[in-house]
Amino acid sequence: MNVLVATDGQLDPELVGSFAKPLTSSGGSVTVLTVIEIPRRLLAELRAHYGAMEGAVVDRDAEYVGGAMAVDTAPTGWPGDDAVLQRYLHDKRIEYTGPMVTHLEAMGVAVTGEVVEGENAAATILATLKEGDYNVVLIGSHGQGLFEGLLGSTGTRLTRHAPCPVLVLRSE
């Protein structure tokens, strides 16, 4: 059985492991996924406000910066939105999925950690479920989103629309 663990970094790795290990005992794997919502308009405002980053050695290299708009508005020394975002996503993958991946690996579970940029966490997780070969998704009962009853808004949407069973784990 293949398991998708959707987390914002709040899920307890031991709790997830107690459910994920039995679910994958017949040769399945776990993907620990976190979705980072990045408002693209913020990037343009940061470029305009802060300008060049100290220590940056990249000039206005169109291929590296990516896209004519970014080249036209990026100050000299700005490493490019794509470069900044990739670094940020890499750091968030380590922060949000790293402890869980490490714990599950120690339990002998085949596991990978992934981070995806998306404008809507629930929609991005649902798309991942539909595209992948997942049999169940594990989510926390509370997230960083706005209050929407017993489940967060992302959890509520997943329980209503997921193409597979959703296991909601009580999170603090």
C-alpha atoms as a PDB file:
ATOM      1  CA  MET A   1       0.000   0.000   0.000  1.00  0.00           C
ATOM      2  CA  ASN A   2       1.351   3.430  -0.931  1.00  0.00           C
ATOM      3  CA  VAL A   3       0.741   6.192   1.587  1.00  0.00           C
ATOM      4  CA  LEU A   4       0.809   9.939   1.116  1.00  0.00           C
ATOM      5  CA  VAL A   5       1.411  11.889   4.309  1.00  0.00           C
ATOM      6  CA  ALA A   6       0.339  15.491   3.802  1.00  0.00           C
ATOM      7  CA  THR A   7       1.914  17.671   6.464  1.00  0.00           C
ATOM      8  CA  ASP A   8       2.663  21.256   7.284  1.00  0.00           C
ATOM      9  CA  GLY A   9       5.358  20.126   9.692  1.00  0.00           C
ATOM     10  CA  GLN A  10       2.952  19.775  12.611  1.00  0.00           C
ATOM     11  CA  LEU A  11       2.390  15.999  12.537  1.00  0.00           C
ATOM     12  CA  ASP A  12       4.168  13.866  15.120  1.00  0.00           C
ATOM     13  CA  PRO A  13       6.569  11.477  13.343  1.00  0.00           C
ATOM     14  CA  GLU A  14       6.004   8.733  15.931  1.00  0.00           C
ATOM     15  CA  LEU A  15       2.247   8.906  15.478  1.00  0.00           C
ATOM     16  CA  VAL A  16       2.573   8.798  11.699  1.00  0.00           C
ATOM     17  CA  GLY A  17       5.019   5.902  11.957  1.00  0.00           C
ATOM     18  CA  SER A  18       2.598   3.869  14.076  1.00  0.00           C
ATOM     19  CA  PHE A  19       0.075   4.000  11.240  1.00  0.00           C
ATOM     20  CA  ALA A  20       2.338   4.134   8.188  1.00  0.00           C
ATOM     21  CA  LYS A  21       4.520   1.129   9.020  1.00  0.00           C
ATOM     22  CA  PRO A  22       1.645  -1.420   9.131  1.00  0.00           C
ATOM     23  CA  LEU A  23       0.079   0.118   6.022  1.00  0.00           C
ATOM     24  CA  THR A  24       3.292  -0.324   4.032  1.00  0.00           C
ATOM     25  CA  SER A  25       4.294  -3.718   5.457  1.00  0.00           C
ATOM     26  CA  SER A  26       3.513  -5.524   2.201  1.00  0.00           C
ATOM     27  CA  GLY A  27       6.070  -3.569   0.172  1.00  0.00           C
ATOM     28  CA  GLY A  28       4.460  -0.163  -0.071  1.00  0.00           C
ATOM     29  CA  SER A  29       6.084   3.203   0.425  1.00  0.00           C
ATOM     30  CA  VAL A  30       5.396   6.545   2.026  1.00  0.00           C
ATOM     31  CA  THR A  31       5.674   9.962   0.447  1.00  0.00           C
ATOM     32  CA  VAL A  32       5.790  12.808   2.945  1.00  0.00           C
ATOM     33  CA  LEU A  33       4.475  15.878   1.148  1.00  0.00           C
ATOM     34  CA  THR A  34       4.311  19.488   2.167  1.00  0.00           C
ATOM     35  CA  VAL A  35       2.768  22.215   0.049  1.00  0.00           C
ATOM     36  CA  ILE A  36       4.216  25.693   0.331  1.00  0.00           C
ATOM     37  CA  GLU A  37       1.935  28.514  -0.714  1.00  0.00           C
ATOM     38  CA  ILE A  38       4.012  31.333  -2.188  1.00  0.00           C
ATOM     39  CA  PRO A  39       2.300  34.542  -3.269  1.00  0.00           C
ATOM     40  CA  ARG A  40       4.117  35.438  -6.498  1.00  0.00           C
ATOM     41  CA  ARG A  41       3.198  39.113  -6.174  1.00  0.00           C
ATOM     42  CA  LEU A  42       5.256  39.205  -2.986  1.00  0.00           C
ATOM     43  CA  LEU A  43       8.378  38.344  -4.973  1.00  0.00           C
ATOM     44  CA  ALA A  44       7.952  41.352  -7.248  1.00  0.00           C
ATOM     45  CA  GLU A  45       7.437  43.578  -4.212  1.00  0.00           C
ATOM     46  CA  LEU A  46      10.540  42.178  -2.506  1.00  0.00           C
ATOM     47  CA  ARG A  47      12.635  42.793  -5.622  1.00  0.00           C
ATOM     48  CA  ALA A  48      11.390  46.361  -5.870  1.00  0.00           C
ATOM     49  CA  HIS A  49      11.840  47.094  -2.173  1.00  0.00           C
ATOM     50  CA  TYR A  50      15.101  45.360  -1.305  1.00  0.00           C
ATOM     51  CA  GLY A  51      16.937  45.327  -4.597  1.00  0.00           C
ATOM     52  CA  ALA A  52      20.163  43.391  -4.956  1.00  0.00           C
ATOM     53  CA  MET A  53      21.073  40.777  -2.389  1.00  0.00           C
ATOM     54  CA  GLU A  54      24.440  41.181  -0.719  1.00  0.00           C
ATOM     55  CA  GLY A  55      26.948  38.609  -1.821  1.00  0.00           C
ATOM     56  CA  ALA A  56      25.007  37.678  -4.950  1.00  0.00           C
ATOM     57  CA  VAL A  57      27.310  37.178  -7.896  1.00  0.00           C
ATOM     58  CA  VAL A  58      24.709  36.542 -10.580  1.00  0.00           C
ATOM     59  CA  ASP A  59      23.993  39.397 -12.934  1.00  0.00           C
ATOM     60  CA  ARG A  60      20.868  39.760 -15.077  1.00  0.00           C
ATOM     61  CA  ASP A  61      21.289  36.376 -16.697  1.00  0.00           C
ATOM     62  CA  ALA A  62      17.988  35.779 -18.499  1.00  0.00           C
ATOM     63  CA  GLU A  63      18.340  31.995 -18.454  1.00  0.00           C
ATOM     64  CA  TYR A  64      19.064  31.895 -14.711  1.00  0.00           C
ATOM     65  CA  VAL A  65      16.570  34.559 -13.681  1.00  0.00           C
ATOM     66  CA  GLY A  66      13.870  33.027 -15.880  1.00  0.00           C
ATOM     67  CA  GLY A  67      11.334  34.994 -17.842  1.00  0.00           C
ATOM     68  CA  ALA A  68      11.392  38.426 -19.446  1.00  0.00           C
ATOM     69  CA  MET A  69       9.363  40.056 -16.676  1.00  0.00           C
ATOM     70  CA  ALA A  70      11.796  38.929 -13.981  1.00  0.00           C
ATOM     71  CA  VAL A  71      14.754  40.154 -16.059  1.00  0.00           C
ATOM     72  CA  ASP A  72      13.183  43.537 -16.686  1.00  0.00           C
ATOM     73  CA  THR A  73      12.305  44.207 -13.050  1.00  0.00           C
ATOM     74  CA  ALA A  74      15.130  42.408 -11.251  1.00  0.00           C
ATOM     75  CA  PRO A  75      17.957  44.562  -9.979  1.00  0.00           C
ATOM     76  CA  THR A  76      21.517  43.631 -10.827  1.00  0.00           C
ATOM     77  CA  GLY A  77      22.655  40.972  -8.370  1.00  0.00           C
ATOM     78  CA  TRP A  78      19.204  39.451  -7.851  1.00  0.00           C
ATOM     79  CA  PRO A  79      19.732  35.687  -8.254  1.00  0.00           C
ATOM     80  CA  GLY A  80      16.305  35.262  -9.810  1.00  0.00           C
ATOM     81  CA  ASP A  81      12.902  34.255  -8.490  1.00  0.00           C
ATOM     82  CA  ASP A  82      13.378  30.630  -9.487  1.00  0.00           C
ATOM     83  CA  ALA A  83      16.694  30.394  -7.666  1.00  0.00           C
ATOM     84  CA  VAL A  84      15.318  32.040  -4.532  1.00  0.00           C
ATOM     85  CA  LEU A  85      12.206  29.852  -4.585  1.00  0.00           C
ATOM     86  CA  GLN A  86      14.156  26.642  -5.127  1.00  0.00           C
ATOM     87  CA  ARG A  87      16.362  27.451  -2.149  1.00  0.00           C
ATOM     88  CA  TYR A  88      13.328  28.312  -0.021  1.00  0.00           C
ATOM     89  CA  LEU A  89      11.471  25.138  -1.039  1.00  0.00           C
ATOM     90  CA  HIS A  90      14.571  23.034  -0.358  1.00  0.00           C
ATOM     91  CA  ASP A  91      14.847  24.517   3.128  1.00  0.00           C
ATOM     92  CA  LYS A  92      11.127  23.970   3.833  1.00  0.00           C
ATOM     93  CA  ARG A  93      11.320  20.361   2.625  1.00  0.00           C
ATOM     94  CA  ILE A  94      14.076  19.697   5.141  1.00  0.00           C
ATOM     95  CA  GLU A  95      12.260  21.582   7.911  1.00  0.00           C
ATOM     96  CA  TYR A  96       8.755  20.148   7.373  1.00  0.00           C
ATOM     97  CA  THR A  97       9.403  16.632   6.062  1.00  0.00           C
ATOM     98  CA  GLY A  98      12.925  15.878   7.321  1.00  0.00           C
ATOM     99  CA  PRO A  99      12.095  14.721  10.855  1.00  0.00           C
ATOM    100  CA  MET A 100       9.325  12.453   9.606  1.00  0.00           C
ATOM    101  CA  VAL A 101      11.434  11.001   6.796  1.00  0.00           C
ATOM    102  CA  THR A 102      14.265  10.311   9.234  1.00  0.00           C
ATOM    103  CA  HIS A 103      11.921   8.632  11.718  1.00  0.00           C
ATOM    104  CA  LEU A 104      10.212   6.471   9.094  1.00  0.00           C
ATOM    105  CA  GLU A 105      13.568   5.424   7.595  1.00  0.00           C
ATOM    106  CA  ALA A 106      14.715   4.360  11.066  1.00  0.00           C
ATOM    107  CA  MET A 107      11.571   2.197  11.292  1.00  0.00           C
ATOM    108  CA  GLY A 108      12.490   0.508   8.006  1.00  0.00           C
ATOM    109  CA  VAL A 109       9.821   2.201   5.899  1.00  0.00           C
ATOM    110  CA  ALA A 110      10.574   3.148   2.287  1.00  0.00           C
ATOM    111  CA  VAL A 111      10.007   6.885   2.350  1.00  0.00           C
ATOM    112  CA  THR A 112      10.669  10.058   0.380  1.00  0.00           C
ATOM    113  CA  GLY A 113      10.087  13.690   1.271  1.00  0.00           C
ATOM    114  CA  GLU A 114       8.714  16.138  -1.255  1.00  0.00           C
ATOM    115  CA  VAL A 115       7.807  19.793  -1.315  1.00  0.00           C
ATOM    116  CA  VAL A 116       5.556  21.384  -3.906  1.00  0.00           C
ATOM    117  CA  GLU A 117       4.790  25.020  -4.517  1.00  0.00           C
ATOM    118  CA  GLY A 118       1.069  25.629  -4.835  1.00  0.00           C
ATOM    119  CA  GLU A 119      -1.391  28.446  -4.463  1.00  0.00           C
ATOM    120  CA  ASN A 120      -3.866  26.198  -2.661  1.00  0.00           C
ATOM    121  CA  ALA A 121      -2.644  23.377  -0.420  1.00  0.00           C
ATOM    122  CA  ALA A 122      -5.803  21.266  -0.649  1.00  0.00           C
ATOM    123  CA  ALA A 123      -6.021  21.504  -4.442  1.00  0.00           C
ATOM    124  CA  THR A 124      -2.326  20.657  -4.795  1.00  0.00           C
ATOM    125  CA  ILE A 125      -2.625  17.610  -2.508  1.00  0.00           C
ATOM    126  CA  LEU A 126      -5.748  16.431  -4.352  1.00  0.00           C
ATOM    127  CA  ALA A 127      -3.932  16.743  -7.679  1.00  0.00           C
ATOM    128  CA  THR A 128      -0.989  14.780  -6.268  1.00  0.00           C
ATOM    129  CA  LEU A 129      -3.358  12.037  -5.104  1.00  0.00           C
ATOM    130  CA  LYS A 130      -5.045  11.820  -8.499  1.00  0.00           C
ATOM    131  CA  GLU A 131      -1.739  11.747 -10.389  1.00  0.00           C
ATOM    132  CA  GLY A 132       0.010   9.285  -8.095  1.00  0.00           C
ATOM    133  CA  ASP A 133      -0.525   5.698  -7.084  1.00  0.00           C
ATOM    134  CA  TYR A 134      -1.671   6.295  -3.511  1.00  0.00           C
ATOM    135  CA  ASN A 135      -3.994   4.026  -1.560  1.00  0.00           C
ATOM    136  CA  VAL A 136      -4.467   6.254   1.486  1.00  0.00           C
ATOM    137  CA  VAL A 137      -3.586   9.756   2.666  1.00  0.00           C
ATOM    138  CA  LEU A 138      -2.685  10.648   6.247  1.00  0.00           C
ATOM    139  CA  ILE A 139      -3.341  14.184   7.440  1.00  0.00           C
ATOM    140  CA  GLY A 140      -3.351  16.016  10.741  1.00  0.00           C
ATOM    141  CA  SER A 141      -6.551  17.140  12.368  1.00  0.00           C
ATOM    142  CA  HIS A 142      -5.243  20.687  12.764  1.00  0.00           C
ATOM    143  CA  GLY A 143      -3.028  22.674  10.491  1.00  0.00           C
ATOM    144  CA  GLN A 144      -1.748  26.175  10.089  1.00  0.00           C
ATOM    145  CA  GLY A 145      -4.790  27.235   8.077  1.00  0.00           C
ATOM    146  CA  LEU A 146      -7.873  29.125   9.194  1.00  0.00           C
ATOM    147  CA  PHE A 147     -10.290  27.545  11.650  1.00  0.00           C
ATOM    148  CA  GLU A 148     -13.012  25.470  10.047  1.00  0.00           C
ATOM    149  CA  GLY A 149     -14.451  23.302  12.801  1.00  0.00           C
ATOM    150  CA  LEU A 150     -12.683  20.135  13.941  1.00  0.00           C
ATOM    151  CA  LEU A 151     -10.514  19.951  10.829  1.00  0.00           C
ATOM    152  CA  GLY A 152      -8.541  22.697   9.193  1.00  0.00           C
ATOM    153  CA  SER A 153      -9.730  23.952   5.830  1.00  0.00           C
ATOM    154  CA  THR A 154      -7.239  21.739   3.965  1.00  0.00           C
ATOM    155  CA  GLY A 155      -8.246  18.646   5.934  1.00  0.00           C
ATOM    156  CA  THR A 156     -11.915  19.365   5.366  1.00  0.00           C
ATOM    157  CA  ARG A 157     -11.453  19.575   1.599  1.00  0.00           C
ATOM    158  CA  LEU A 158      -9.344  16.399   1.527  1.00  0.00           C
ATOM    159  CA  THR A 159     -11.878  14.354   3.465  1.00  0.00           C
ATOM    160  CA  ARG A 160     -14.614  15.485   1.087  1.00  0.00           C
ATOM    161  CA  HIS A 161     -12.800  15.146  -2.240  1.00  0.00           C
ATOM    162  CA  ALA A 162      -9.898  12.691  -1.969  1.00  0.00           C
ATOM    163  CA  PRO A 163     -10.024   9.755  -4.414  1.00  0.00           C
ATOM    164  CA  CYS A 164      -8.799   7.404  -1.662  1.00  0.00           C
ATOM    165  CA  PRO A 165      -9.401   6.882   2.058  1.00  0.00           C
ATOM    166  CA  VAL A 166      -8.247   9.697   4.340  1.00  0.00           C
ATOM    167  CA  LEU A 167      -6.861   8.858   7.769  1.00  0.00           C
ATOM    168  CA  VAL A 168      -7.080  11.877  10.044  1.00  0.00           C
ATOM    169  CA  LEU A 169      -4.516  11.809  12.841  1.00  0.00           C
ATOM    170  CA  ARG A 170      -5.156  13.888  15.907  1.00  0.00           C
ATOM    171  CA  SER A 171      -2.569  16.636  16.016  1.00  0.00           C
ATOM    172  CA  GLU A 172      -2.056  19.278  18.642  1.00  0.00           C
END
